[in-house]
Amino acid sequence: MFEAYLTLMVFGVVSVGFAVASLIGAWLLRPRVPDPIKATTYECGVEAVGSTEIKTNFRFYVVALLFVIFDVEALFVIPWAVSAKTMDIGFVVGEMMVFLAVLFAGLMYAWKKGALVWD
């Protein structure tokens, strides 16, 4: 049993070591040519006028999070469809209906709260 944990620990140490070594190597090998143009804000070739620090509407983040939540939830349908062949069809369909009902309830909650309405 200890060997399984040892393998996992070695894998974790090698993974973290590779990430750290890659970051340090990139930092050491990068070109260091300071230029004031590099420090400016670039937007489609047009020079920035005024402050470049603007507040982004919070609704962008809400829509992005809703997309991620429903997209990840939809990924659970694929293993369900693969395993549905070997299971009792009545149980599997009922289980999927419960899953879809939870997704639909989440969508209705977001809609009711106005997260999907754009002003």
PDB file of N, CA and C in Angstrom:
ATOM      1  N   MET A   1       0.824  -1.200   0.000  1.00  0.00           N
ATOM      2  CA  MET A   1       0.000   0.000   0.000  1.00  0.00           C
ATOM      3  C   MET A   1       0.866   1.261   0.000  1.00  0.00           C
ATOM      4  N   PHE A   2       1.988   1.204   0.709  1.00  0.00           N
ATOM      5  CA  PHE A   2       2.863   2.362   0.769  1.00  0.00           C
ATOM      6  C   PHE A   2       3.468   2.680  -0.597  1.00  0.00           C
ATOM      7  N   GLU A   3       3.668   1.637  -1.436  1.00  0.00           N
ATOM      8  CA  GLU A   3       4.260   1.845  -2.745  1.00  0.00           C
ATOM      9  C   GLU A   3       3.369   2.708  -3.632  1.00  0.00           C
ATOM     10  N   ALA A   4       2.053   2.545  -3.499  1.00  0.00           N
ATOM     11  CA  ALA A   4       1.134   3.353  -4.303  1.00  0.00           C
ATOM     12  C   ALA A   4       1.245   4.831  -3.925  1.00  0.00           C
ATOM     13  N   TYR A   5       1.338   5.090  -2.622  1.00  0.00           N
ATOM     14  CA  TYR A   5       1.485   6.474  -2.186  1.00  0.00           C
ATOM     15  C   TYR A   5       2.860   7.017  -2.546  1.00  0.00           C
ATOM     16  N   LEU A   6       3.876   6.171  -2.508  1.00  0.00           N
ATOM     17  CA  LEU A   6       5.213   6.600  -2.882  1.00  0.00           C
ATOM     18  C   LEU A   6       5.258   6.986  -4.357  1.00  0.00           C
ATOM     19  N   THR A   7       4.609   6.210  -5.194  1.00  0.00           N
ATOM     20  CA  THR A   7       4.544   6.527  -6.622  1.00  0.00           C
ATOM     21  C   THR A   7       3.832   7.857  -6.839  1.00  0.00           C
ATOM     22  N   LEU A   8       2.739   8.071  -6.130  1.00  0.00           N
ATOM     23  CA  LEU A   8       1.989   9.321  -6.248  1.00  0.00           C
ATOM     24  C   LEU A   8       2.827  10.500  -5.769  1.00  0.00           C
ATOM     25  N   MET A   9       3.568  10.302  -4.681  1.00  0.00           N
ATOM     26  CA  MET A   9       4.396  11.378  -4.155  1.00  0.00           C
ATOM     27  C   MET A   9       5.538  11.704  -5.118  1.00  0.00           C
ATOM     28  N   VAL A  10       6.172  10.702  -5.682  1.00  0.00           N
ATOM     29  CA  VAL A  10       7.242  10.934  -6.655  1.00  0.00           C
ATOM     30  C   VAL A  10       6.691  11.663  -7.879  1.00  0.00           C
ATOM     31  N   PHE A  11       5.523  11.248  -8.340  1.00  0.00           N
ATOM     32  CA  PHE A  11       4.893  11.922  -9.482  1.00  0.00           C
ATOM     33  C   PHE A  11       4.628  13.392  -9.164  1.00  0.00           C
ATOM     34  N   GLY A  12       4.127  13.689  -7.963  1.00  0.00           N
ATOM     35  CA  GLY A  12       3.871  15.064  -7.567  1.00  0.00           C
ATOM     36  C   GLY A  12       5.139  15.886  -7.488  1.00  0.00           C
ATOM     37  N   VAL A  13       6.209  15.310  -6.911  1.00  0.00           N
ATOM     38  CA  VAL A  13       7.480  16.031  -6.794  1.00  0.00           C
ATOM     39  C   VAL A  13       8.070  16.297  -8.177  1.00  0.00           C
ATOM     40  N   VAL A  14       8.021  15.311  -9.065  1.00  0.00           N
ATOM     41  CA  VAL A  14       8.537  15.501 -10.422  1.00  0.00           C
ATOM     42  C   VAL A  14       7.713  16.557 -11.159  1.00  0.00           C
ATOM     43  N   SER A  15       6.400  16.550 -10.988  1.00  0.00           N
ATOM     44  CA  SER A  15       5.542  17.534 -11.651  1.00  0.00           C
ATOM     45  C   SER A  15       5.850  18.946 -11.180  1.00  0.00           C
ATOM     46  N   VAL A  16       5.928  19.136  -9.870  1.00  0.00           N
ATOM     47  CA  VAL A  16       6.221  20.467  -9.332  1.00  0.00           C
ATOM     48  C   VAL A  16       7.639  20.887  -9.719  1.00  0.00           C
ATOM     49  N   GLY A  17       8.586  19.946  -9.657  1.00  0.00           N
ATOM     50  CA  GLY A  17       9.961  20.261 -10.058  1.00  0.00           C
ATOM     51  C   GLY A  17      10.054  20.676 -11.517  1.00  0.00           C
ATOM     52  N   PHE A  18       9.334  19.983 -12.390  1.00  0.00           N
ATOM     53  CA  PHE A  18       9.338  20.345 -13.809  1.00  0.00           C
ATOM     54  C   PHE A  18       8.756  21.740 -14.010  1.00  0.00           C
ATOM     55  N   ALA A  19       7.656  22.051 -13.319  1.00  0.00           N
ATOM     56  CA  ALA A  19       7.044  23.374 -13.464  1.00  0.00           C
ATOM     57  C   ALA A  19       7.988  24.468 -12.977  1.00  0.00           C
ATOM     58  N   VAL A  20       8.602  24.261 -11.834  1.00  0.00           N
ATOM     59  CA  VAL A  20       9.525  25.264 -11.286  1.00  0.00           C
ATOM     60  C   VAL A  20      10.747  25.416 -12.193  1.00  0.00           C
ATOM     61  N   ALA A  21      11.302  24.296 -12.661  1.00  0.00           N
ATOM     62  CA  ALA A  21      12.467  24.366 -13.548  1.00  0.00           C
ATOM     63  C   ALA A  21      12.123  25.067 -14.853  1.00  0.00           C
ATOM     64  N   SER A  22      10.943  24.830 -15.382  1.00  0.00           N
ATOM     65  CA  SER A  22      10.530  25.496 -16.622  1.00  0.00           C
ATOM     66  C   SER A  22      10.405  27.002 -16.425  1.00  0.00           C
ATOM     67  N   LEU A  23       9.815  27.419 -15.318  1.00  0.00           N
ATOM     68  CA  LEU A  23       9.672  28.850 -15.055  1.00  0.00           C
ATOM     69  C   LEU A  23      11.027  29.520 -14.843  1.00  0.00           C
ATOM     70  N   ILE A  24      11.914  28.862 -14.099  1.00  0.00           N
ATOM     71  CA  ILE A  24      13.240  29.436 -13.870  1.00  0.00           C
ATOM     72  C   ILE A  24      14.033  29.480 -15.176  1.00  0.00           C
ATOM     73  N   GLY A  25      13.954  28.434 -15.963  1.00  0.00           N
ATOM     74  CA  GLY A  25      14.647  28.422 -17.255  1.00  0.00           C
ATOM     75  C   GLY A  25      14.145  29.505 -18.191  1.00  0.00           C
ATOM     76  N   ALA A  26      12.841  29.702 -18.243  1.00  0.00           N
ATOM     77  CA  ALA A  26      12.281  30.755 -19.090  1.00  0.00           C
ATOM     78  C   ALA A  26      12.730  32.131 -18.605  1.00  0.00           C
ATOM     79  N   TRP A  27      12.800  32.304 -17.285  1.00  0.00           N
ATOM     80  CA  TRP A  27      13.222  33.589 -16.730  1.00  0.00           C
ATOM     81  C   TRP A  27      14.689  33.857 -17.053  1.00  0.00           C
ATOM     82  N   LEU A  28      15.527  32.808 -17.005  1.00  0.00           N
ATOM     83  CA  LEU A  28      16.952  32.980 -17.281  1.00  0.00           C
ATOM     84  C   LEU A  28      17.237  33.181 -18.767  1.00  0.00           C
ATOM     85  N   LEU A  29      16.468  32.550 -19.627  1.00  0.00           N
ATOM     86  CA  LEU A  29      16.746  32.595 -21.061  1.00  0.00           C
ATOM     87  C   LEU A  29      16.027  33.708 -21.817  1.00  0.00           C
ATOM     88  N   ARG A  30      15.131  34.416 -21.169  1.00  0.00           N
ATOM     89  CA  ARG A  30      14.375  35.452 -21.884  1.00  0.00           C
ATOM     90  C   ARG A  30      15.277  36.617 -22.270  1.00  0.00           C
ATOM     91  N   PRO A  31      14.964  37.294 -23.360  1.00  0.00           N
ATOM     92  CA  PRO A  31      15.749  38.476 -23.739  1.00  0.00           C
ATOM     93  C   PRO A  31      15.383  39.651 -22.839  1.00  0.00           C
ATOM     94  N   ARG A  32      16.426  40.376 -22.440  1.00  0.00           N
ATOM     95  CA  ARG A  32      16.197  41.536 -21.575  1.00  0.00           C
ATOM     96  C   ARG A  32      16.558  42.803 -22.349  1.00  0.00           C
ATOM     97  N   VAL A  33      15.590  43.311 -23.089  1.00  0.00           N
ATOM     98  CA  VAL A  33      15.793  44.531 -23.870  1.00  0.00           C
ATOM     99  C   VAL A  33      14.732  45.528 -23.413  1.00  0.00           C
ATOM    100  N   PRO A  34      15.069  46.403 -22.467  1.00  0.00           N
ATOM    101  CA  PRO A  34      14.075  47.362 -21.995  1.00  0.00           C
ATOM    102  C   PRO A  34      13.726  48.368 -23.091  1.00  0.00           C
ATOM    103  N   ASP A  35      12.448  48.687 -23.183  1.00  0.00           N
ATOM    104  CA  ASP A  35      11.977  49.612 -24.193  1.00  0.00           C
ATOM    105  C   ASP A  35      10.717  50.282 -23.650  1.00  0.00           C
ATOM    106  N   PRO A  36      10.616  51.597 -23.720  1.00  0.00           N
ATOM    107  CA  PRO A  36       9.416  52.261 -23.186  1.00  0.00           C
ATOM    108  C   PRO A  36       8.145  51.891 -23.955  1.00  0.00           C
ATOM    109  N   ILE A  37       8.275  51.492 -25.208  1.00  0.00           N
ATOM    110  CA  ILE A  37       7.089  51.108 -25.985  1.00  0.00           C
ATOM    111  C   ILE A  37       6.488  49.818 -25.432  1.00  0.00           C
ATOM    112  N   LYS A  38       7.334  48.928 -24.898  1.00  0.00           N
ATOM    113  CA  LYS A  38       6.831  47.671 -24.338  1.00  0.00           C
ATOM    114  C   LYS A  38       5.954  47.902 -23.112  1.00  0.00           C
ATOM    115  N   ALA A  39       6.184  48.993 -22.415  1.00  0.00           N
ATOM    116  CA  ALA A  39       5.429  49.270 -21.193  1.00  0.00           C
ATOM    117  C   ALA A  39       4.080  49.929 -21.474  1.00  0.00           C
ATOM    118  N   THR A  40       3.801  50.292 -22.720  1.00  0.00           N
ATOM    119  CA  THR A  40       2.543  50.954 -23.027  1.00  0.00           C
ATOM    120  C   THR A  40       1.434  49.938 -23.269  1.00  0.00           C
ATOM    121  N   THR A  41       0.202  50.415 -23.179  1.00  0.00           N
ATOM    122  CA  THR A  41      -0.951  49.563 -23.436  1.00  0.00           C
ATOM    123  C   THR A  41      -1.172  49.455 -24.937  1.00  0.00           C
ATOM    124  N   TYR A  42      -1.421  48.245 -25.404  1.00  0.00           N
ATOM    125  CA  TYR A  42      -1.627  48.011 -26.833  1.00  0.00           C
ATOM    126  C   TYR A  42      -3.062  47.572 -27.059  1.00  0.00           C
ATOM    127  N   GLU A  43      -3.787  48.336 -27.871  1.00  0.00           N
ATOM    128  CA  GLU A  43      -5.161  47.978 -28.225  1.00  0.00           C
ATOM    129  C   GLU A  43      -5.340  48.150 -29.719  1.00  0.00           C
ATOM    130  N   CYS A  44      -5.163  47.108 -30.464  1.00  0.00           N
ATOM    131  CA  CYS A  44      -5.431  47.066 -31.899  1.00  0.00           C
ATOM    132  C   CYS A  44      -4.685  48.150 -32.667  1.00  0.00           C
ATOM    133  N   GLY A  45      -3.507  48.517 -32.244  1.00  0.00           N
ATOM    134  CA  GLY A  45      -2.715  49.485 -32.979  1.00  0.00           C
ATOM    135  C   GLY A  45      -3.065  50.936 -32.704  1.00  0.00           C
ATOM    136  N   VAL A  46      -4.091  51.186 -31.911  1.00  0.00           N
ATOM    137  CA  VAL A  46      -4.496  52.556 -31.611  1.00  0.00           C
ATOM    138  C   VAL A  46      -3.901  52.941 -30.262  1.00  0.00           C
ATOM    139  N   GLU A  47      -3.287  54.100 -30.188  1.00  0.00           N
ATOM    140  CA  GLU A  47      -2.715  54.538 -28.918  1.00  0.00           C
ATOM    141  C   GLU A  47      -3.827  54.833 -27.927  1.00  0.00           C
ATOM    142  N   ALA A  48      -3.590  54.443 -26.680  1.00  0.00           N
ATOM    143  CA  ALA A  48      -4.587  54.626 -25.632  1.00  0.00           C
ATOM    144  C   ALA A  48      -4.727  56.103 -25.286  1.00  0.00           C
ATOM    145  N   VAL A  49      -5.967  56.524 -25.106  1.00  0.00           N
ATOM    146  CA  VAL A  49      -6.253  57.899 -24.714  1.00  0.00           C
ATOM    147  C   VAL A  49      -6.920  57.847 -23.355  1.00  0.00           C
ATOM    148  N   GLY A  50      -6.371  58.565 -22.409  1.00  0.00           N
ATOM    149  CA  GLY A  50      -6.955  58.564 -21.072  1.00  0.00           C
ATOM    150  C   GLY A  50      -6.478  57.366 -20.263  1.00  0.00           C
ATOM    151  N   SER A  51      -7.211  57.108 -19.201  1.00  0.00           N
ATOM    152  CA  SER A  51      -6.844  56.017 -18.306  1.00  0.00           C
ATOM    153  C   SER A  51      -7.215  54.674 -18.932  1.00  0.00           C
ATOM    154  N   THR A  52      -6.327  53.707 -18.789  1.00  0.00           N
ATOM    155  CA  THR A  52      -6.616  52.371 -19.301  1.00  0.00           C
ATOM    156  C   THR A  52      -7.232  51.482 -18.224  1.00  0.00           C
ATOM    157  N   GLU A  53      -7.375  51.999 -17.022  1.00  0.00           N
ATOM    158  CA  GLU A  53      -7.973  51.236 -15.934  1.00  0.00           C
ATOM    159  C   GLU A  53      -9.469  51.528 -15.889  1.00  0.00           C
ATOM    160  N   ILE A  54     -10.259  50.606 -16.418  1.00  0.00           N
ATOM    161  CA  ILE A  54     -11.701  50.768 -16.403  1.00  0.00           C
ATOM    162  C   ILE A  54     -12.303  49.630 -15.605  1.00  0.00           C
ATOM    163  N   LYS A  55     -13.480  49.864 -15.081  1.00  0.00           N
ATOM    164  CA  LYS A  55     -14.170  48.823 -14.336  1.00  0.00           C
ATOM    165  C   LYS A  55     -14.961  47.967 -15.317  1.00  0.00           C
ATOM    166  N   THR A  56     -14.736  46.676 -15.232  1.00  0.00           N
ATOM    167  CA  THR A  56     -15.460  45.755 -16.078  1.00  0.00           C
ATOM    168  C   THR A  56     -16.779  45.409 -15.406  1.00  0.00           C
ATOM    169  N   ASN A  57     -17.822  45.348 -16.205  1.00  0.00           N
ATOM    170  CA  ASN A  57     -19.136  45.020 -15.676  1.00  0.00           C
ATOM    171  C   ASN A  57     -19.111  43.627 -15.065  1.00  0.00           C
ATOM    172  N   PHE A  58     -19.669  43.496 -13.894  1.00  0.00           N
ATOM    173  CA  PHE A  58     -19.678  42.224 -13.168  1.00  0.00           C
ATOM    174  C   PHE A  58     -20.454  41.148 -13.917  1.00  0.00           C
ATOM    175  N   ARG A  59     -21.365  41.541 -14.769  1.00  0.00           N
ATOM    176  CA  ARG A  59     -22.171  40.559 -15.498  1.00  0.00           C
ATOM    177  C   ARG A  59     -21.323  39.691 -16.432  1.00  0.00           C
ATOM    178  N   PHE A  60     -20.201  40.214 -16.903  1.00  0.00           N
ATOM    179  CA  PHE A  60     -19.301  39.392 -17.710  1.00  0.00           C
ATOM    180  C   PHE A  60     -18.862  38.164 -16.917  1.00  0.00           C
ATOM    181  N   TYR A  61     -18.500  38.374 -15.663  1.00  0.00           N
ATOM    182  CA  TYR A  61     -18.030  37.279 -14.823  1.00  0.00           C
ATOM    183  C   TYR A  61     -19.155  36.306 -14.497  1.00  0.00           C
ATOM    184  N   VAL A  62     -20.350  36.829 -14.259  1.00  0.00           N
ATOM    185  CA  VAL A  62     -21.486  35.962 -13.942  1.00  0.00           C
ATOM    186  C   VAL A  62     -21.817  35.065 -15.129  1.00  0.00           C
ATOM    187  N   VAL A  63     -21.859  35.639 -16.324  1.00  0.00           N
ATOM    188  CA  VAL A  63     -22.150  34.843 -17.519  1.00  0.00           C
ATOM    189  C   VAL A  63     -21.046  33.817 -17.748  1.00  0.00           C
ATOM    190  N   ALA A  64     -19.796  34.196 -17.547  1.00  0.00           N
ATOM    191  CA  ALA A  64     -18.690  33.257 -17.726  1.00  0.00           C
ATOM    192  C   ALA A  64     -18.779  32.108 -16.729  1.00  0.00           C
ATOM    193  N   LEU A  65     -19.087  32.414 -15.479  1.00  0.00           N
ATOM    194  CA  LEU A  65     -19.217  31.353 -14.477  1.00  0.00           C
ATOM    195  C   LEU A  65     -20.408  30.458 -14.766  1.00  0.00           C
ATOM    196  N   LEU A  66     -21.512  31.030 -15.195  1.00  0.00           N
ATOM    197  CA  LEU A  66     -22.665  30.204 -15.554  1.00  0.00           C
ATOM    198  C   LEU A  66     -22.329  29.285 -16.720  1.00  0.00           C
ATOM    199  N   PHE A  67     -21.601  29.803 -17.697  1.00  0.00           N
ATOM    200  CA  PHE A  67     -21.206  28.967 -18.821  1.00  0.00           C
ATOM    201  C   PHE A  67     -20.334  27.813 -18.365  1.00  0.00           C
ATOM    202  N   VAL A  68     -19.353  28.107 -17.513  1.00  0.00           N
ATOM    203  CA  VAL A  68     -18.455  27.056 -17.031  1.00  0.00           C
ATOM    204  C   VAL A  68     -19.229  26.011 -16.244  1.00  0.00           C
ATOM    205  N   ILE A  69     -20.122  26.462 -15.378  1.00  0.00           N
ATOM    206  CA  ILE A  69     -20.899  25.516 -14.566  1.00  0.00           C
ATOM    207  C   ILE A  69     -21.726  24.599 -15.456  1.00  0.00           C
ATOM    208  N   PHE A  70     -22.483  25.161 -16.387  1.00  0.00           N
ATOM    209  CA  PHE A  70     -23.355  24.334 -17.218  1.00  0.00           C
ATOM    210  C   PHE A  70     -22.554  23.511 -18.230  1.00  0.00           C
ATOM    211  N   ASP A  71     -21.413  24.014 -18.660  1.00  0.00           N
ATOM    212  CA  ASP A  71     -20.589  23.260 -19.588  1.00  0.00           C
ATOM    213  C   ASP A  71     -19.981  22.040 -18.893  1.00  0.00           C
ATOM    214  N   VAL A  72     -19.472  22.226 -17.686  1.00  0.00           N
ATOM    215  CA  VAL A  72     -18.900  21.111 -16.936  1.00  0.00           C
ATOM    216  C   VAL A  72     -19.985  20.116 -16.559  1.00  0.00           C
ATOM    217  N   GLU A  73     -21.146  20.611 -16.187  1.00  0.00           N
ATOM    218  CA  GLU A  73     -22.252  19.708 -15.856  1.00  0.00           C
ATOM    219  C   GLU A  73     -22.664  18.890 -17.074  1.00  0.00           C
ATOM    220  N   ALA A  74     -22.631  19.503 -18.241  1.00  0.00           N
ATOM    221  CA  ALA A  74     -23.014  18.776 -19.449  1.00  0.00           C
ATOM    222  C   ALA A  74     -22.002  17.684 -19.797  1.00  0.00           C
ATOM    223  N   LEU A  75     -20.761  17.833 -19.359  1.00  0.00           N
ATOM    224  CA  LEU A  75     -19.762  16.795 -19.600  1.00  0.00           C
ATOM    225  C   LEU A  75     -20.089  15.495 -18.872  1.00  0.00           C
ATOM    226  N   PHE A  76     -20.895  15.576 -17.818  1.00  0.00           N
ATOM    227  CA  PHE A  76     -21.283  14.370 -17.095  1.00  0.00           C
ATOM    228  C   PHE A  76     -22.251  13.510 -17.904  1.00  0.00           C
ATOM    229  N   VAL A  77     -22.822  14.053 -18.955  1.00  0.00           N
ATOM    230  CA  VAL A  77     -23.758  13.286 -19.774  1.00  0.00           C
ATOM    231  C   VAL A  77     -23.011  12.217 -20.591  1.00  0.00           C
ATOM    232  N   ILE A  78     -21.770  12.486 -20.972  1.00  0.00           N
ATOM    233  CA  ILE A  78     -21.033  11.538 -21.811  1.00  0.00           C
ATOM    234  C   ILE A  78     -20.776  10.215 -21.092  1.00  0.00           C
ATOM    235  N   PRO A  79     -20.220  10.217 -19.857  1.00  0.00           N
ATOM    236  CA  PRO A  79     -20.045   8.924 -19.190  1.00  0.00           C
ATOM    237  C   PRO A  79     -21.378   8.242 -18.904  1.00  0.00           C
ATOM    238  N   TRP A  80     -22.391   9.042 -18.650  1.00  0.00           N
ATOM    239  CA  TRP A  80     -23.716   8.456 -18.411  1.00  0.00           C
ATOM    240  C   TRP A  80     -24.194   7.726 -19.658  1.00  0.00           C
ATOM    241  N   ALA A  81     -24.012   8.324 -20.827  1.00  0.00           N
ATOM    242  CA  ALA A  81     -24.463   7.697 -22.066  1.00  0.00           C
ATOM    243  C   ALA A  81     -23.676   6.424 -22.359  1.00  0.00           C
ATOM    244  N   VAL A  82     -22.398   6.413 -22.028  1.00  0.00           N
ATOM    245  CA  VAL A  82     -21.584   5.225 -22.265  1.00  0.00           C
ATOM    246  C   VAL A  82     -21.983   4.091 -21.332  1.00  0.00           C
ATOM    247  N   SER A  83     -22.223   4.424 -20.069  1.00  0.00           N
ATOM    248  CA  SER A  83     -22.563   3.378 -19.101  1.00  0.00           C
ATOM    249  C   SER A  83     -24.035   2.999 -19.147  1.00  0.00           C
ATOM    250  N   ALA A  84     -24.850   3.724 -19.867  1.00  0.00           N
ATOM    251  CA  ALA A  84     -26.287   3.428 -19.912  1.00  0.00           C
ATOM    252  C   ALA A  84     -26.575   2.096 -20.593  1.00  0.00           C
ATOM    253  N   LYS A  85     -25.675   1.640 -21.459  1.00  0.00           N
ATOM    254  CA  LYS A  85     -25.887   0.372 -22.156  1.00  0.00           C
ATOM    255  C   LYS A  85     -25.890  -0.821 -21.200  1.00  0.00           C
ATOM    256  N   THR A  86     -25.094  -0.727 -20.149  1.00  0.00           N
ATOM    257  CA  THR A  86     -24.914  -1.877 -19.267  1.00  0.00           C
ATOM    258  C   THR A  86     -25.821  -1.842 -18.042  1.00  0.00           C
ATOM    259  N   MET A  87     -26.564  -0.760 -17.832  1.00  0.00           N
ATOM    260  CA  MET A  87     -27.383  -0.633 -16.627  1.00  0.00           C
ATOM    261  C   MET A  87     -28.863  -0.790 -16.958  1.00  0.00           C
ATOM    262  N   ASP A  88     -29.668  -0.863 -15.918  1.00  0.00           N
ATOM    263  CA  ASP A  88     -31.115  -0.930 -16.071  1.00  0.00           C
ATOM    264  C   ASP A  88     -31.608   0.380 -16.671  1.00  0.00           C
ATOM    265  N   ILE A  89     -32.294   0.309 -17.789  1.00  0.00           N
ATOM    266  CA  ILE A  89     -32.671   1.507 -18.543  1.00  0.00           C
ATOM    267  C   ILE A  89     -33.633   2.401 -17.762  1.00  0.00           C
ATOM    268  N   GLY A  90     -34.521   1.812 -16.994  1.00  0.00           N
ATOM    269  CA  GLY A  90     -35.457   2.618 -16.209  1.00  0.00           C
ATOM    270  C   GLY A  90     -34.747   3.446 -15.156  1.00  0.00           C
ATOM    271  N   PHE A  91     -33.792   2.828 -14.478  1.00  0.00           N
ATOM    272  CA  PHE A  91     -33.025   3.539 -13.453  1.00  0.00           C
ATOM    273  C   PHE A  91     -32.173   4.636 -14.074  1.00  0.00           C
ATOM    274  N   VAL A  92     -31.546   4.324 -15.193  1.00  0.00           N
ATOM    275  CA  VAL A  92     -30.644   5.273 -15.851  1.00  0.00           C
ATOM    276  C   VAL A  92     -31.409   6.491 -16.363  1.00  0.00           C
ATOM    277  N   VAL A  93     -32.556   6.254 -16.971  1.00  0.00           N
ATOM    278  CA  VAL A  93     -33.355   7.378 -17.486  1.00  0.00           C
ATOM    279  C   VAL A  93     -33.868   8.231 -16.326  1.00  0.00           C
ATOM    280  N   GLY A  94     -34.302   7.592 -15.250  1.00  0.00           N
ATOM    281  CA  GLY A  94     -34.756   8.357 -14.078  1.00  0.00           C
ATOM    282  C   GLY A  94     -33.630   9.184 -13.480  1.00  0.00           C
ATOM    283  N   GLU A  95     -32.459   8.599 -13.395  1.00  0.00           N
ATOM    284  CA  GLU A  95     -31.299   9.316 -12.873  1.00  0.00           C
ATOM    285  C   GLU A  95     -30.964  10.520 -13.752  1.00  0.00           C
ATOM    286  N   MET A  96     -31.023  10.362 -15.070  1.00  0.00           N
ATOM    287  CA  MET A  96     -30.731  11.475 -15.966  1.00  0.00           C
ATOM    288  C   MET A  96     -31.806  12.549 -15.875  1.00  0.00           C
ATOM    289  N   MET A  97     -33.045  12.169 -15.671  1.00  0.00           N
ATOM    290  CA  MET A  97     -34.112  13.162 -15.520  1.00  0.00           C
ATOM    291  C   MET A  97     -33.888  14.011 -14.263  1.00  0.00           C
ATOM    292  N   VAL A  98     -33.440  13.380 -13.190  1.00  0.00           N
ATOM    293  CA  VAL A  98     -33.124  14.133 -11.970  1.00  0.00           C
ATOM    294  C   VAL A  98     -31.964  15.092 -12.240  1.00  0.00           C
ATOM    295  N   PHE A  99     -30.939  14.611 -12.923  1.00  0.00           N
ATOM    296  CA  PHE A  99     -29.797  15.445 -13.252  1.00  0.00           C
ATOM    297  C   PHE A  99     -30.206  16.642 -14.104  1.00  0.00           C
ATOM    298  N   LEU A 100     -30.995  16.390 -15.139  1.00  0.00           N
ATOM    299  CA  LEU A 100     -31.450  17.485 -15.997  1.00  0.00           C
ATOM    300  C   LEU A 100     -32.388  18.435 -15.262  1.00  0.00           C
ATOM    301  N   ALA A 101     -33.172  17.914 -14.329  1.00  0.00           N
ATOM    302  CA  ALA A 101     -34.045  18.781 -13.533  1.00  0.00           C
ATOM    303  C   ALA A 101     -33.218  19.727 -12.663  1.00  0.00           C
ATOM    304  N   VAL A 102     -32.123  19.233 -12.102  1.00  0.00           N
ATOM    305  CA  VAL A 102     -31.248  20.103 -11.303  1.00  0.00           C
ATOM    306  C   VAL A 102     -30.617  21.171 -12.190  1.00  0.00           C
ATOM    307  N   LEU A 103     -30.164  20.783 -13.377  1.00  0.00           N
ATOM    308  CA  LEU A 103     -29.615  21.764 -14.311  1.00  0.00           C
ATOM    309  C   LEU A 103     -30.651  22.810 -14.701  1.00  0.00           C
ATOM    310  N   PHE A 104     -31.854  22.351 -14.979  1.00  0.00           N
ATOM    311  CA  PHE A 104     -32.918  23.271 -15.373  1.00  0.00           C
ATOM    312  C   PHE A 104     -33.292  24.197 -14.220  1.00  0.00           C
ATOM    313  N   ALA A 105     -33.310  23.667 -13.009  1.00  0.00           N
ATOM    314  CA  ALA A 105     -33.609  24.510 -11.842  1.00  0.00           C
ATOM    315  C   ALA A 105     -32.529  25.578 -11.669  1.00  0.00           C
ATOM    316  N   GLY A 106     -31.271  25.216 -11.888  1.00  0.00           N
ATOM    317  CA  GLY A 106     -30.193  26.206 -11.811  1.00  0.00           C
ATOM    318  C   GLY A 106     -30.329  27.274 -12.872  1.00  0.00           C
ATOM    319  N   LEU A 107     -30.709  26.870 -14.068  1.00  0.00           N
ATOM    320  CA  LEU A 107     -30.919  27.832 -15.145  1.00  0.00           C
ATOM    321  C   LEU A 107     -32.082  28.771 -14.824  1.00  0.00           C
ATOM    322  N   MET A 108     -33.166  28.222 -14.315  1.00  0.00           N
ATOM    323  CA  MET A 108     -34.319  29.052 -13.958  1.00  0.00           C
ATOM    324  C   MET A 108     -33.981  30.012 -12.818  1.00  0.00           C
ATOM    325  N   TYR A 109     -33.173  29.555 -11.857  1.00  0.00           N
ATOM    326  CA  TYR A 109     -32.753  30.422 -10.754  1.00  0.00           C
ATOM    327  C   TYR A 109     -31.920  31.592 -11.277  1.00  0.00           C
ATOM    328  N   ALA A 110     -30.976  31.290 -12.176  1.00  0.00           N
ATOM    329  CA  ALA A 110     -30.152  32.357 -12.756  1.00  0.00           C
ATOM    330  C   ALA A 110     -31.008  33.317 -13.569  1.00  0.00           C
ATOM    331  N   TRP A 111     -31.980  32.781 -14.290  1.00  0.00           N
ATOM    332  CA  TRP A 111     -32.866  33.625 -15.084  1.00  0.00           C
ATOM    333  C   TRP A 111     -33.718  34.514 -14.190  1.00  0.00           C
ATOM    334  N   LYS A 112     -34.259  33.936 -13.107  1.00  0.00           N
ATOM    335  CA  LYS A 112     -35.102  34.692 -12.178  1.00  0.00           C
ATOM    336  C   LYS A 112     -34.323  35.812 -11.493  1.00  0.00           C
ATOM    337  N   LYS A 113     -33.048  35.534 -11.166  1.00  0.00           N
ATOM    338  CA  LYS A 113     -32.223  36.533 -10.512  1.00  0.00           C
ATOM    339  C   LYS A 113     -31.733  37.617 -11.467  1.00  0.00           C
ATOM    340  N   GLY A 114     -31.985  37.443 -12.777  1.00  0.00           N
ATOM    341  CA  GLY A 114     -31.603  38.456 -13.751  1.00  0.00           C
ATOM    342  C   GLY A 114     -30.172  38.325 -14.227  1.00  0.00           C
ATOM    343  N   ALA A 115     -29.542  37.174 -13.984  1.00  0.00           N
ATOM    344  CA  ALA A 115     -28.151  36.998 -14.405  1.00  0.00           C
ATOM    345  C   ALA A 115     -28.040  36.878 -15.915  1.00  0.00           C
ATOM    346  N   LEU A 116     -29.110  36.520 -16.596  1.00  0.00           N
ATOM    347  CA  LEU A 116     -29.051  36.349 -18.031  1.00  0.00           C
ATOM    348  C   LEU A 116     -29.605  37.565 -18.792  1.00  0.00           C
ATOM    349  N   VAL A 117     -30.088  38.552 -18.075  1.00  0.00           N
ATOM    350  CA  VAL A 117     -30.641  39.756 -18.717  1.00  0.00           C
ATOM    351  C   VAL A 117     -29.503  40.773 -18.846  1.00  0.00           C
ATOM    352  N   TRP A 118     -29.296  41.222 -20.069  1.00  0.00           N
ATOM    353  CA  TRP A 118     -28.230  42.180 -20.321  1.00  0.00           C
ATOM    354  C   TRP A 118     -28.836  43.548 -20.598  1.00  0.00           C
ATOM    355  N   ASP A 119     -28.383  44.548 -19.855  1.00  0.00           N
ATOM    356  CA  ASP A 119     -28.896  45.919 -20.018  1.00  0.00           C
ATOM    357  C   ASP A 119     -28.130  46.655 -21.090  1.00  0.00           C
TER     358      ASP A 119
END
